[in-house]
Amino acid sequence: MPPSSFNIHAAKSNLSRLVMRAEKGERITIARAGRPVAQLGPAAQSERPRMSPDDPLLNLDRFAADGPGGKMTNKDIDHLLYGHA
């Protein structure tokens, strides 16, 4: 595997390749005059927002209507979903 430490000039010249390596999980040290000054690595993964357990999409059996649209009006649906007419 290629070295994981680069001087600043080499890092600038190979930035795209180094970013690709970092995306795969590798940590790359960037040095000035042989002294480590920075690290390039994978970004922290953000957690997807979770749906509320009360979300209608997770409770289709409570909010489902018979047939194509059923006999519910928009007012009925609003009341079911949001608690108001």
N, C-alpha and C. Protein backbone atom coordinates (compact mmCIF):
# COMPACT_ATOMS: atom_id res chain seq x y z
N MET A 1 0.85 -1.18 0.00
CA MET A 1 0.00 0.00 0.00
C MET A 1 0.90 1.24 0.00
N PRO A 2 0.52 2.29 -0.75
CA PRO A 2 1.31 3.51 -0.80
C PRO A 2 1.40 4.16 0.58
N PRO A 3 2.39 5.03 0.78
CA PRO A 3 2.57 5.63 2.10
C PRO A 3 1.34 6.41 2.55
N SER A 4 1.18 6.53 3.88
CA SER A 4 0.06 7.25 4.45
C SER A 4 0.48 8.61 4.98
N SER A 5 1.69 9.05 4.62
CA SER A 5 2.19 10.36 5.04
C SER A 5 2.72 11.09 3.80
N PHE A 6 2.29 12.33 3.62
CA PHE A 6 2.69 13.12 2.45
C PHE A 6 3.08 14.51 2.89
N ASN A 7 4.10 15.08 2.21
CA ASN A 7 4.38 16.48 2.47
C ASN A 7 3.32 17.33 1.79
N ILE A 8 3.24 18.59 2.17
CA ILE A 8 2.15 19.44 1.68
C ILE A 8 2.13 19.53 0.16
N HIS A 9 3.29 19.68 -0.47
CA HIS A 9 3.32 19.79 -1.94
C HIS A 9 2.76 18.52 -2.59
N ALA A 10 3.18 17.35 -2.10
CA ALA A 10 2.69 16.09 -2.67
C ALA A 10 1.20 15.93 -2.40
N ALA A 11 0.74 16.36 -1.22
CA ALA A 11 -0.69 16.25 -0.90
C ALA A 11 -1.51 17.13 -1.85
N LYS A 12 -1.04 18.36 -2.12
CA LYS A 12 -1.76 19.24 -3.05
C LYS A 12 -1.79 18.64 -4.45
N SER A 13 -0.70 18.06 -4.86
CA SER A 13 -0.61 17.48 -6.21
C SER A 13 -1.47 16.23 -6.37
N ASN A 14 -1.76 15.55 -5.26
CA ASN A 14 -2.51 14.29 -5.32
C ASN A 14 -3.80 14.33 -4.52
N LEU A 15 -4.34 15.53 -4.33
CA LEU A 15 -5.49 15.67 -3.43
C LEU A 15 -6.66 14.76 -3.82
N SER A 16 -7.01 14.69 -5.09
CA SER A 16 -8.15 13.85 -5.50
C SER A 16 -7.93 12.39 -5.11
N ARG A 17 -6.74 11.88 -5.34
CA ARG A 17 -6.44 10.49 -4.99
C ARG A 17 -6.47 10.29 -3.47
N LEU A 18 -5.92 11.26 -2.75
CA LEU A 18 -5.91 11.13 -1.29
C LEU A 18 -7.32 11.17 -0.72
N VAL A 19 -8.18 12.01 -1.27
CA VAL A 19 -9.57 12.07 -0.81
C VAL A 19 -10.26 10.73 -1.08
N MET A 20 -10.01 10.13 -2.24
CA MET A 20 -10.61 8.82 -2.54
C MET A 20 -10.16 7.77 -1.52
N ARG A 21 -8.89 7.82 -1.15
CA ARG A 21 -8.38 6.87 -0.16
C ARG A 21 -9.03 7.13 1.20
N ALA A 22 -9.18 8.39 1.55
CA ALA A 22 -9.82 8.74 2.83
C ALA A 22 -11.27 8.28 2.85
N GLU A 23 -11.97 8.41 1.72
CA GLU A 23 -13.36 7.96 1.64
C GLU A 23 -13.47 6.47 1.94
N LYS A 24 -12.42 5.73 1.63
CA LYS A 24 -12.43 4.28 1.87
C LYS A 24 -12.02 3.93 3.30
N GLY A 25 -11.76 4.97 4.11
CA GLY A 25 -11.47 4.74 5.52
C GLY A 25 -10.03 4.95 5.93
N GLU A 26 -9.15 5.24 5.00
CA GLU A 26 -7.74 5.41 5.34
C GLU A 26 -7.48 6.78 5.96
N ARG A 27 -6.58 6.84 6.94
CA ARG A 27 -6.14 8.11 7.53
C ARG A 27 -4.81 8.48 6.90
N ILE A 28 -4.72 9.71 6.41
CA ILE A 28 -3.52 10.17 5.73
C ILE A 28 -2.96 11.36 6.50
N THR A 29 -1.67 11.29 6.81
CA THR A 29 -1.00 12.36 7.53
C THR A 29 -0.35 13.31 6.54
N ILE A 30 -0.52 14.60 6.78
CA ILE A 30 0.11 15.62 5.95
C ILE A 30 1.17 16.30 6.82
N ALA A 31 2.40 16.38 6.26
CA ALA A 31 3.53 16.88 7.03
C ALA A 31 4.13 18.12 6.37
N ARG A 32 4.74 18.95 7.23
CA ARG A 32 5.51 20.11 6.76
C ARG A 32 6.93 19.91 7.30
N ALA A 33 7.88 19.88 6.40
CA ALA A 33 9.29 19.66 6.77
C ALA A 33 9.44 18.39 7.61
N GLY A 34 8.69 17.35 7.23
CA GLY A 34 8.80 16.06 7.90
C GLY A 34 8.04 15.97 9.22
N ARG A 35 7.39 17.06 9.66
CA ARG A 35 6.65 17.07 10.93
C ARG A 35 5.15 17.00 10.64
N PRO A 36 4.45 16.00 11.18
CA PRO A 36 3.00 15.89 10.94
C PRO A 36 2.26 17.14 11.43
N VAL A 37 1.40 17.69 10.55
CA VAL A 37 0.64 18.89 10.92
C VAL A 37 -0.86 18.73 10.74
N ALA A 38 -1.31 17.73 9.98
CA ALA A 38 -2.74 17.55 9.73
C ALA A 38 -3.01 16.11 9.34
N GLN A 39 -4.30 15.74 9.45
CA GLN A 39 -4.73 14.42 9.00
C GLN A 39 -5.93 14.54 8.10
N LEU A 40 -5.95 13.69 7.10
CA LEU A 40 -7.09 13.59 6.20
C LEU A 40 -7.69 12.21 6.44
N GLY A 41 -8.99 12.17 6.67
CA GLY A 41 -9.64 10.89 6.94
C GLY A 41 -11.10 10.93 6.54
N PRO A 42 -11.79 9.82 6.72
CA PRO A 42 -13.21 9.77 6.34
C PRO A 42 -14.04 10.70 7.22
N ALA A 43 -15.04 11.30 6.63
CA ALA A 43 -15.97 12.16 7.38
C ALA A 43 -16.85 11.29 8.26
N ALA A 44 -17.26 11.84 9.38
CA ALA A 44 -18.17 11.13 10.27
C ALA A 44 -19.51 10.93 9.56
N GLN A 45 -20.05 9.75 9.70
CA GLN A 45 -21.34 9.45 9.07
C GLN A 45 -22.46 10.03 9.92
N SER A 46 -23.32 10.80 9.29
CA SER A 46 -24.45 11.35 10.03
C SER A 46 -25.55 10.29 10.10
N GLU A 47 -26.22 10.27 11.24
CA GLU A 47 -27.29 9.30 11.42
C GLU A 47 -28.57 9.84 10.79
N ARG A 48 -29.25 8.99 10.08
CA ARG A 48 -30.52 9.40 9.47
C ARG A 48 -31.53 9.73 10.55
N PRO A 49 -32.31 10.78 10.34
CA PRO A 49 -33.34 11.08 11.33
C PRO A 49 -34.35 9.93 11.40
N ARG A 50 -34.74 9.62 12.59
CA ARG A 50 -35.69 8.52 12.79
C ARG A 50 -37.12 9.03 12.74
N MET A 51 -38.00 8.20 12.21
CA MET A 51 -39.41 8.55 12.16
C MET A 51 -40.03 8.31 13.54
N SER A 52 -40.95 9.17 13.90
CA SER A 52 -41.67 9.01 15.15
C SER A 52 -42.50 7.73 15.09
N PRO A 53 -42.61 7.00 16.20
CA PRO A 53 -43.43 5.78 16.19
C PRO A 53 -44.90 6.07 15.88
N ASP A 54 -45.31 7.33 16.05
CA ASP A 54 -46.70 7.71 15.76
C ASP A 54 -46.90 8.14 14.31
N ASP A 55 -45.84 8.12 13.51
CA ASP A 55 -45.95 8.56 12.13
C ASP A 55 -46.96 7.68 11.39
N PRO A 56 -47.88 8.28 10.66
CA PRO A 56 -48.90 7.50 9.94
C PRO A 56 -48.31 6.45 8.99
N LEU A 57 -47.14 6.72 8.42
CA LEU A 57 -46.54 5.75 7.50
C LEU A 57 -46.13 4.47 8.21
N LEU A 58 -45.88 4.54 9.52
CA LEU A 58 -45.53 3.34 10.28
C LEU A 58 -46.76 2.67 10.88
N ASN A 59 -47.90 3.29 10.72
CA ASN A 59 -49.14 2.77 11.30
C ASN A 59 -50.25 2.72 10.26
N LEU A 60 -49.93 2.18 9.12
CA LEU A 60 -50.90 2.16 8.02
C LEU A 60 -52.17 1.41 8.39
N ASP A 61 -52.06 0.41 9.25
CA ASP A 61 -53.27 -0.34 9.62
C ASP A 61 -54.27 0.56 10.36
N ARG A 62 -53.78 1.58 11.08
CA ARG A 62 -54.69 2.50 11.78
C ARG A 62 -55.25 3.56 10.85
N PHE A 63 -54.51 3.90 9.80
CA PHE A 63 -54.90 5.01 8.94
C PHE A 63 -55.38 4.58 7.56
N ALA A 64 -55.39 3.29 7.29
CA ALA A 64 -55.79 2.81 5.98
C ALA A 64 -57.29 2.99 5.75
N ALA A 65 -57.65 3.22 4.51
CA ALA A 65 -59.06 3.35 4.13
C ALA A 65 -59.39 2.25 3.13
N ASP A 66 -60.60 1.75 3.19
CA ASP A 66 -61.01 0.69 2.28
C ASP A 66 -61.17 1.25 0.86
N GLY A 67 -60.67 0.47 -0.08
CA GLY A 67 -60.83 0.84 -1.49
C GLY A 67 -59.97 2.02 -1.89
N PRO A 68 -60.14 2.48 -3.14
CA PRO A 68 -59.34 3.60 -3.63
C PRO A 68 -59.81 4.91 -3.01
N GLY A 69 -59.28 5.23 -1.85
CA GLY A 69 -59.66 6.47 -1.18
C GLY A 69 -60.73 6.26 -0.14
N GLY A 70 -61.40 5.14 -0.18
CA GLY A 70 -62.44 4.85 0.80
C GLY A 70 -63.53 5.90 0.79
N LYS A 71 -64.23 6.00 1.89
CA LYS A 71 -65.33 6.95 1.99
C LYS A 71 -64.95 8.13 2.87
N MET A 72 -63.68 8.26 3.16
CA MET A 72 -63.23 9.35 4.02
C MET A 72 -63.06 10.64 3.21
N THR A 73 -63.46 11.73 3.82
CA THR A 73 -63.27 13.03 3.18
C THR A 73 -61.92 13.58 3.64
N ASN A 74 -61.46 14.63 2.99
CA ASN A 74 -60.22 15.27 3.41
C ASN A 74 -60.30 15.74 4.86
N LYS A 75 -61.48 16.21 5.26
CA LYS A 75 -61.69 16.67 6.62
C LYS A 75 -61.52 15.49 7.60
N ASP A 76 -62.06 14.32 7.25
CA ASP A 76 -61.91 13.13 8.09
C ASP A 76 -60.44 12.73 8.22
N ILE A 77 -59.74 12.78 7.11
CA ILE A 77 -58.33 12.39 7.10
C ILE A 77 -57.52 13.36 7.96
N ASP A 78 -57.76 14.67 7.80
CA ASP A 78 -57.07 15.67 8.63
C ASP A 78 -57.32 15.42 10.10
N HIS A 79 -58.56 15.11 10.44
CA HIS A 79 -58.89 14.86 11.85
C HIS A 79 -58.15 13.62 12.37
N LEU A 80 -58.11 12.57 11.55
CA LEU A 80 -57.40 11.35 11.95
C LEU A 80 -55.92 11.60 12.14
N LEU A 81 -55.30 12.31 11.19
CA LEU A 81 -53.86 12.50 11.21
C LEU A 81 -53.41 13.58 12.18
N TYR A 82 -54.15 14.67 12.23
CA TYR A 82 -53.68 15.83 12.96
C TYR A 82 -54.55 16.19 14.18
N GLY A 83 -55.65 15.50 14.35
CA GLY A 83 -56.49 15.74 15.51
C GLY A 83 -57.35 16.98 15.44
N HIS A 84 -57.46 17.55 14.26
CA HIS A 84 -58.35 18.71 14.10
C HIS A 84 -59.05 18.61 12.75
N ALA A 85 -60.08 19.36 12.61
CA ALA A 85 -60.86 19.31 11.37
C ALA A 85 -60.37 20.31 10.37
